[in-house]
All heavy atoms as atom14 arrays in JSON, in Angstrom:
{
  "sequence": "PLVRFSVGSEPEAPHDSADADFVLNQIRKTLG",
  "atom14_mask": [
    [1, 1, 1, 1, 1, 1, 1, 0, 0, 0, 0, 0, 0, 0],
    [1, 1, 1, 1, 1, 1, 1, 1, 0, 0, 0, 0, 0, 0],
    [1, 1, 1, 1, 1, 1, 1, 0, 0, 0, 0, 0, 0, 0],
    [1, 1, 1, 1, 1, 1, 1, 1, 1, 1, 1, 0, 0, 0],
    [1, 1, 1, 1, 1, 1, 1, 1, 1, 1, 1, 0, 0, 0],
    [1, 1, 1, 1, 1, 1, 0, 0, 0, 0, 0, 0, 0, 0],
    [1, 1, 1, 1, 1, 1, 1, 0, 0, 0, 0, 0, 0, 0],
    [1, 1, 1, 1, 0, 0, 0, 0, 0, 0, 0, 0, 0, 0],
    [1, 1, 1, 1, 1, 1, 0, 0, 0, 0, 0, 0, 0, 0],
    [1, 1, 1, 1, 1, 1, 1, 1, 1, 0, 0, 0, 0, 0],
    [1, 1, 1, 1, 1, 1, 1, 0, 0, 0, 0, 0, 0, 0],
    [1, 1, 1, 1, 1, 1, 1, 1, 1, 0, 0, 0, 0, 0],
    [1, 1, 1, 1, 1, 0, 0, 0, 0, 0, 0, 0, 0, 0],
    [1, 1, 1, 1, 1, 1, 1, 0, 0, 0, 0, 0, 0, 0],
    [1, 1, 1, 1, 1, 1, 1, 1, 1, 1, 0, 0, 0, 0],
    [1, 1, 1, 1, 1, 1, 1, 1, 0, 0, 0, 0, 0, 0],
    [1, 1, 1, 1, 1, 1, 0, 0, 0, 0, 0, 0, 0, 0],
    [1, 1, 1, 1, 1, 0, 0, 0, 0, 0, 0, 0, 0, 0],
    [1, 1, 1, 1, 1, 1, 1, 1, 0, 0, 0, 0, 0, 0],
    [1, 1, 1, 1, 1, 0, 0, 0, 0, 0, 0, 0, 0, 0],
    [1, 1, 1, 1, 1, 1, 1, 1, 0, 0, 0, 0, 0, 0],
    [1, 1, 1, 1, 1, 1, 1, 1, 1, 1, 1, 0, 0, 0],
    [1, 1, 1, 1, 1, 1, 1, 0, 0, 0, 0, 0, 0, 0],
    [1, 1, 1, 1, 1, 1, 1, 1, 0, 0, 0, 0, 0, 0],
    [1, 1, 1, 1, 1, 1, 1, 1, 0, 0, 0, 0, 0, 0],
    [1, 1, 1, 1, 1, 1, 1, 1, 1, 0, 0, 0, 0, 0],
    [1, 1, 1, 1, 1, 1, 1, 1, 0, 0, 0, 0, 0, 0],
    [1, 1, 1, 1, 1, 1, 1, 1, 1, 1, 1, 0, 0, 0],
    [1, 1, 1, 1, 1, 1, 1, 1, 1, 0, 0, 0, 0, 0],
    [1, 1, 1, 1, 1, 1, 1, 0, 0, 0, 0, 0, 0, 0],
    [1, 1, 1, 1, 1, 1, 1, 1, 0, 0, 0, 0, 0, 0],
    [1, 1, 1, 1, 0, 0, 0, 0, 0, 0, 0, 0, 0, 0]
  ],
  "atom14_positions": [
    [[6.89, 19.07, 12.2], [7.83, 18.88, 11.09], [8.03, 17.42, 10.71], [8.44, 17.11, 9.59], [9.13, 19.5, 11.62], [8.68, 20.5, 12.63], [7.47, 19.89, 13.27], [0.0, 0.0, 0.0], [0.0, 0.0, 0.0], [0.0, 0.0, 0.0], [0.0, 0.0, 0.0], [0.0, 0.0, 0.0], [0.0, 0.0, 0.0], [0.0, 0.0, 0.0]],
    [[7.71, 16.52, 11.63], [7.93, 15.1, 11.34], [6.68, 14.42, 10.82], [6.77, 13.4, 10.13], [8.39, 14.37, 12.62], [9.74, 14.82, 13.2], [10.03, 14.06, 14.49], [10.85, 14.59, 12.19], [0.0, 0.0, 0.0], [0.0, 0.0, 0.0], [0.0, 0.0, 0.0], [0.0, 0.0, 0.0], [0.0, 0.0, 0.0], [0.0, 0.0, 0.0]],
    [[5.5, 14.92, 11.16], [4.24, 14.27, 10.77], [3.28, 15.34, 10.25], [3.13, 16.4, 10.86], [3.61, 13.52, 11.97], [2.37, 12.75, 11.5], [4.62, 12.59, 12.64], [0.0, 0.0, 0.0], [0.0, 0.0, 0.0], [0.0, 0.0, 0.0], [0.0, 0.0, 0.0], [0.0, 0.0, 0.0], [0.0, 0.0, 0.0], [0.0, 0.0, 0.0]],
    [[2.61, 15.03, 9.1], [1.63, 15.95, 8.53], [0.28, 15.26, 8.47], [0.17, 14.12, 8.0], [2.06, 16.37, 7.12], [1.1, 17.4, 6.47], [1.62, 17.8, 5.11], [1.63, 16.7, 4.17], [0.57, 16.33, 3.44], [-0.56, 16.97, 3.56], [0.67, 15.32, 2.6], [0.0, 0.0, 0.0], [0.0, 0.0, 0.0], [0.0, 0.0, 0.0]],
    [[-0.78, 15.96, 8.94], [-2.13, 15.43, 8.96], [-3.0, 16.23, 7.99], [-2.88, 17.46, 7.89], [-2.74, 15.53, 10.37], [-2.08, 14.64, 11.38], [-0.93, 15.07, 12.05], [-2.59, 13.39, 11.65], [-0.33, 14.26, 12.99], [-1.98, 12.57, 12.6], [-0.84, 13.01, 13.26], [0.0, 0.0, 0.0], [0.0, 0.0, 0.0], [0.0, 0.0, 0.0]],
    [[-3.9, 15.53, 7.32], [-4.87, 16.18, 6.42], [-6.09, 15.29, 6.31], [-6.03, 14.08, 6.56], [-4.26, 16.43, 5.03], [-3.94, 15.2, 4.39], [0.0, 0.0, 0.0], [0.0, 0.0, 0.0], [0.0, 0.0, 0.0], [0.0, 0.0, 0.0], [0.0, 0.0, 0.0], [0.0, 0.0, 0.0], [0.0, 0.0, 0.0], [0.0, 0.0, 0.0]],
    [[-7.22, 15.94, 5.93], [-8.49, 15.2, 5.74], [-8.9, 15.38, 4.3], [-8.88, 16.49, 3.75], [-9.57, 15.71, 6.7], [-10.91, 15.02, 6.41], [-9.16, 15.49, 8.15], [0.0, 0.0, 0.0], [0.0, 0.0, 0.0], [0.0, 0.0, 0.0], [0.0, 0.0, 0.0], [0.0, 0.0, 0.0], [0.0, 0.0, 0.0], [0.0, 0.0, 0.0]],
    [[-9.27, 14.28, 3.65], [-9.69, 14.33, 2.27], [-10.72, 13.27, 1.98], [-10.99, 12.39, 2.82], [0.0, 0.0, 0.0], [0.0, 0.0, 0.0], [0.0, 0.0, 0.0], [0.0, 0.0, 0.0], [0.0, 0.0, 0.0], [0.0, 0.0, 0.0], [0.0, 0.0, 0.0], [0.0, 0.0, 0.0], [0.0, 0.0, 0.0], [0.0, 0.0, 0.0]],
    [[-11.28, 13.36, 0.79], [-12.31, 12.38, 0.41], [-11.71, 11.08, -0.1], [-12.41, 10.07, -0.2], [-13.23, 12.99, -0.67], [-12.45, 13.35, -1.81], [0.0, 0.0, 0.0], [0.0, 0.0, 0.0], [0.0, 0.0, 0.0], [0.0, 0.0, 0.0], [0.0, 0.0, 0.0], [0.0, 0.0, 0.0], [0.0, 0.0, 0.0], [0.0, 0.0, 0.0]],
    [[-10.39, 11.07, -0.45], [-9.74, 9.88, -0.97], [-8.53, 9.53, -0.1], [-7.83, 10.41, 0.4], [-9.29, 10.1, -2.42], [-10.41, 10.36, -3.39], [-11.31, 9.15, -3.57], [-10.82, 8.01, -3.35], [-12.48, 9.32, -3.91], [0.0, 0.0, 0.0], [0.0, 0.0, 0.0], [0.0, 0.0, 0.0], [0.0, 0.0, 0.0], [0.0, 0.0, 0.0]],
    [[-8.27, 8.23, 0.04], [-7.09, 7.83, 0.82], [-5.8, 8.06, 0.02], [-5.73, 7.78, -1.17], [-7.33, 6.34, 1.09], [-8.17, 5.88, -0.05], [-9.06, 7.05, -0.41], [0.0, 0.0, 0.0], [0.0, 0.0, 0.0], [0.0, 0.0, 0.0], [0.0, 0.0, 0.0], [0.0, 0.0, 0.0], [0.0, 0.0, 0.0], [0.0, 0.0, 0.0]],
    [[-4.78, 8.59, 0.69], [-3.49, 8.77, 0.02], [-2.65, 7.49, 0.04], [-1.71, 7.37, -0.75], [-2.72, 9.91, 0.71], [-3.35, 11.27, 0.52], [-2.52, 12.37, 1.16], [-1.41, 12.05, 1.69], [-2.93, 13.55, 1.13], [0.0, 0.0, 0.0], [0.0, 0.0, 0.0], [0.0, 0.0, 0.0], [0.0, 0.0, 0.0], [0.0, 0.0, 0.0]],
    [[-2.94, 6.58, 0.93], [-2.25, 5.28, 0.95], [-2.96, 4.34, 0.01], [-4.1, 3.93, 0.29], [-2.23, 4.71, 2.37], [0.0, 0.0, 0.0], [0.0, 0.0, 0.0], [0.0, 0.0, 0.0], [0.0, 0.0, 0.0], [0.0, 0.0, 0.0], [0.0, 0.0, 0.0], [0.0, 0.0, 0.0], [0.0, 0.0, 0.0], [0.0, 0.0, 0.0]],
    [[-2.39, 4.0, -1.14], [-3.12, 3.2, -2.13], [-3.34, 1.76, -1.7], [-4.31, 1.13, -2.09], [-2.22, 3.28, -3.36], [-0.85, 3.52, -2.81], [-1.03, 4.34, -1.56], [0.0, 0.0, 0.0], [0.0, 0.0, 0.0], [0.0, 0.0, 0.0], [0.0, 0.0, 0.0], [0.0, 0.0, 0.0], [0.0, 0.0, 0.0], [0.0, 0.0, 0.0]],
    [[-2.42, 1.23, -0.89], [-2.52, -0.18, -0.5], [-1.69, -0.39, 0.76], [-0.94, 0.5, 1.19], [-2.02, -1.1, -1.63], [-0.63, -0.76, -2.09], [0.49, -1.11, -1.38], [-0.2, -0.04, -3.16], [1.57, -0.67, -2.01], [1.17, 0.0, -3.09], [0.0, 0.0, 0.0], [0.0, 0.0, 0.0], [0.0, 0.0, 0.0], [0.0, 0.0, 0.0]],
    [[-1.83, -1.57, 1.32], [-1.05, -1.92, 2.51], [0.25, -2.58, 2.07], [0.26, -3.52, 1.26], [-1.83, -2.9, 3.39], [-3.08, -2.24, 3.98], [-3.08, -1.0, 4.08], [-4.03, -2.97, 4.31], [0.0, 0.0, 0.0], [0.0, 0.0, 0.0], [0.0, 0.0, 0.0], [0.0, 0.0, 0.0], [0.0, 0.0, 0.0], [0.0, 0.0, 0.0]],
    [[1.38, -2.1, 2.59], [2.67, -2.73, 2.28], [2.9, -3.94, 3.18], [2.24, -4.12, 4.21], [3.81, -1.72, 2.46], [3.81, -1.21, 3.78], [0.0, 0.0, 0.0], [0.0, 0.0, 0.0], [0.0, 0.0, 0.0], [0.0, 0.0, 0.0], [0.0, 0.0, 0.0], [0.0, 0.0, 0.0], [0.0, 0.0, 0.0], [0.0, 0.0, 0.0]],
    [[3.89, -4.77, 2.77], [4.08, -6.05, 3.46], [4.53, -5.89, 4.9], [4.2, -6.71, 5.76], [5.1, -6.9, 2.68], [0.0, 0.0, 0.0], [0.0, 0.0, 0.0], [0.0, 0.0, 0.0], [0.0, 0.0, 0.0], [0.0, 0.0, 0.0], [0.0, 0.0, 0.0], [0.0, 0.0, 0.0], [0.0, 0.0, 0.0], [0.0, 0.0, 0.0]],
    [[5.32, -4.83, 5.21], [5.86, -4.69, 6.56], [5.1, -3.65, 7.37], [5.66, -3.01, 8.26], [7.34, -4.32, 6.51], [7.58, -3.05, 5.69], [6.63, -2.62, 5.04], [8.71, -2.53, 5.71], [0.0, 0.0, 0.0], [0.0, 0.0, 0.0], [0.0, 0.0, 0.0], [0.0, 0.0, 0.0], [0.0, 0.0, 0.0], [0.0, 0.0, 0.0]],
    [[3.81, -3.44, 7.06], [3.01, -2.43, 7.78], [2.01, -3.05, 8.73], [1.18, -2.34, 9.3], [2.28, -1.54, 6.78], [0.0, 0.0, 0.0], [0.0, 0.0, 0.0], [0.0, 0.0, 0.0], [0.0, 0.0, 0.0], [0.0, 0.0, 0.0], [0.0, 0.0, 0.0], [0.0, 0.0, 0.0], [0.0, 0.0, 0.0], [0.0, 0.0, 0.0]],
    [[2.08, -4.36, 8.94], [1.1, -5.0, 9.82], [1.17, -4.47, 11.24], [0.14, -4.31, 11.91], [1.31, -6.52, 9.82], [0.94, -7.14, 8.47], [0.21, -6.47, 7.72], [1.39, -8.26, 8.18], [0.0, 0.0, 0.0], [0.0, 0.0, 0.0], [0.0, 0.0, 0.0], [0.0, 0.0, 0.0], [0.0, 0.0, 0.0], [0.0, 0.0, 0.0]],
    [[2.4, -4.22, 11.72], [2.52, -3.75, 13.1], [1.86, -2.38, 13.28], [1.32, -2.06, 14.35], [4.0, -3.7, 13.5], [4.8, -2.63, 12.81], [5.04, -1.4, 13.42], [5.3, -2.83, 11.52], [5.77, -0.43, 12.79], [6.02, -1.84, 10.89], [6.26, -0.63, 11.51], [0.0, 0.0, 0.0], [0.0, 0.0, 0.0], [0.0, 0.0, 0.0]],
    [[1.86, -1.54, 12.23], [1.22, -0.23, 12.3], [-0.3, -0.37, 12.32], [-1.02, 0.27, 13.11], [1.67, 0.66, 11.14], [0.92, 1.99, 11.15], [3.18, 0.9, 11.22], [0.0, 0.0, 0.0], [0.0, 0.0, 0.0], [0.0, 0.0, 0.0], [0.0, 0.0, 0.0], [0.0, 0.0, 0.0], [0.0, 0.0, 0.0], [0.0, 0.0, 0.0]],
    [[-0.82, -1.21, 11.42], [-2.26, -1.44, 11.36], [-2.79, -1.99, 12.68], [-3.86, -1.56, 13.17], [-2.6, -2.39, 10.21], [-2.2, -1.89, 8.8], [-2.46, -2.98, 7.78], [-2.98, -0.63, 8.46], [0.0, 0.0, 0.0], [0.0, 0.0, 0.0], [0.0, 0.0, 0.0], [0.0, 0.0, 0.0], [0.0, 0.0, 0.0], [0.0, 0.0, 0.0]],
    [[-2.06, -2.95, 13.24], [-2.51, -3.55, 14.5], [-2.53, -2.51, 15.63], [-3.44, -2.5, 16.48], [-1.62, -4.73, 14.88], [-1.76, -5.89, 13.91], [-2.82, -6.04, 13.28], [-0.73, -6.69, 13.78], [0.0, 0.0, 0.0], [0.0, 0.0, 0.0], [0.0, 0.0, 0.0], [0.0, 0.0, 0.0], [0.0, 0.0, 0.0], [0.0, 0.0, 0.0]],
    [[-1.5, -1.63, 15.64], [-1.44, -0.61, 16.68], [-2.61, 0.37, 16.56], [-3.22, 0.76, 17.57], [-0.1, 0.14, 16.58], [0.06, 1.27, 17.58], [0.14, 0.79, 19.03], [0.45, -0.38, 19.27], [-0.17, 1.67, 19.97], [0.0, 0.0, 0.0], [0.0, 0.0, 0.0], [0.0, 0.0, 0.0], [0.0, 0.0, 0.0], [0.0, 0.0, 0.0]],
    [[-2.98, 0.79, 15.32], [-4.08, 1.73, 15.12], [-5.4, 1.11, 15.54], [-6.21, 1.73, 16.27], [-4.13, 2.19, 13.66], [-2.87, 3.01, 13.33], [-5.4, 3.0, 13.37], [-2.76, 3.38, 11.86], [0.0, 0.0, 0.0], [0.0, 0.0, 0.0], [0.0, 0.0, 0.0], [0.0, 0.0, 0.0], [0.0, 0.0, 0.0], [0.0, 0.0, 0.0]],
    [[-5.68, -0.12, 15.11], [-6.95, -0.77, 15.45], [-7.04, -1.02, 16.96], [-8.12, -0.95, 17.55], [-7.08, -2.07, 14.68], [-7.24, -1.87, 13.17], [-7.64, -3.15, 12.47], [-7.92, -2.93, 11.06], [-7.07, -3.19, 10.08], [-5.87, -3.73, 10.36], [-7.39, -2.97, 8.82], [0.0, 0.0, 0.0], [0.0, 0.0, 0.0], [0.0, 0.0, 0.0]],
    [[-5.89, -1.32, 17.57], [-5.9, -1.56, 19.02], [-6.2, -0.27, 19.77], [-6.98, -0.28, 20.76], [-4.55, -2.12, 19.43], [-4.44, -2.39, 20.92], [-3.06, -2.96, 21.26], [-2.94, -3.2, 22.77], [-1.61, -3.73, 23.14], [0.0, 0.0, 0.0], [0.0, 0.0, 0.0], [0.0, 0.0, 0.0], [0.0, 0.0, 0.0], [0.0, 0.0, 0.0]],
    [[-5.65, 0.85, 19.31], [-5.9, 2.14, 19.97], [-7.35, 2.57, 19.77], [-8.01, 3.09, 20.7], [-4.95, 3.2, 19.43], [-3.61, 2.77, 19.62], [-5.15, 4.53, 20.16], [0.0, 0.0, 0.0], [0.0, 0.0, 0.0], [0.0, 0.0, 0.0], [0.0, 0.0, 0.0], [0.0, 0.0, 0.0], [0.0, 0.0, 0.0], [0.0, 0.0, 0.0]],
    [[-7.87, 2.37, 18.54], [-9.25, 2.78, 18.26], [-10.26, 1.85, 18.91], [-11.4, 2.26, 19.2], [-9.48, 2.83, 16.74], [-8.7, 3.89, 15.96], [-8.96, 3.73, 14.47], [-9.1, 5.29, 16.42], [0.0, 0.0, 0.0], [0.0, 0.0, 0.0], [0.0, 0.0, 0.0], [0.0, 0.0, 0.0], [0.0, 0.0, 0.0], [0.0, 0.0, 0.0]],
    [[-9.89, 0.62, 19.16], [-10.83, -0.34, 19.72], [-11.87, -0.76, 18.71], [-12.95, -1.23, 19.12], [0.0, 0.0, 0.0], [0.0, 0.0, 0.0], [0.0, 0.0, 0.0], [0.0, 0.0, 0.0], [0.0, 0.0, 0.0], [0.0, 0.0, 0.0], [0.0, 0.0, 0.0], [0.0, 0.0, 0.0], [0.0, 0.0, 0.0], [0.0, 0.0, 0.0]]
  ]
}
């Protein structure tokens, strides 16, 4: 109920927001 996942051919996030750096860093760190 808190998070929804889907796969598509286009990204739903149009751009990176100014305060999203901590999220991007966490994803890249987990993926390696």
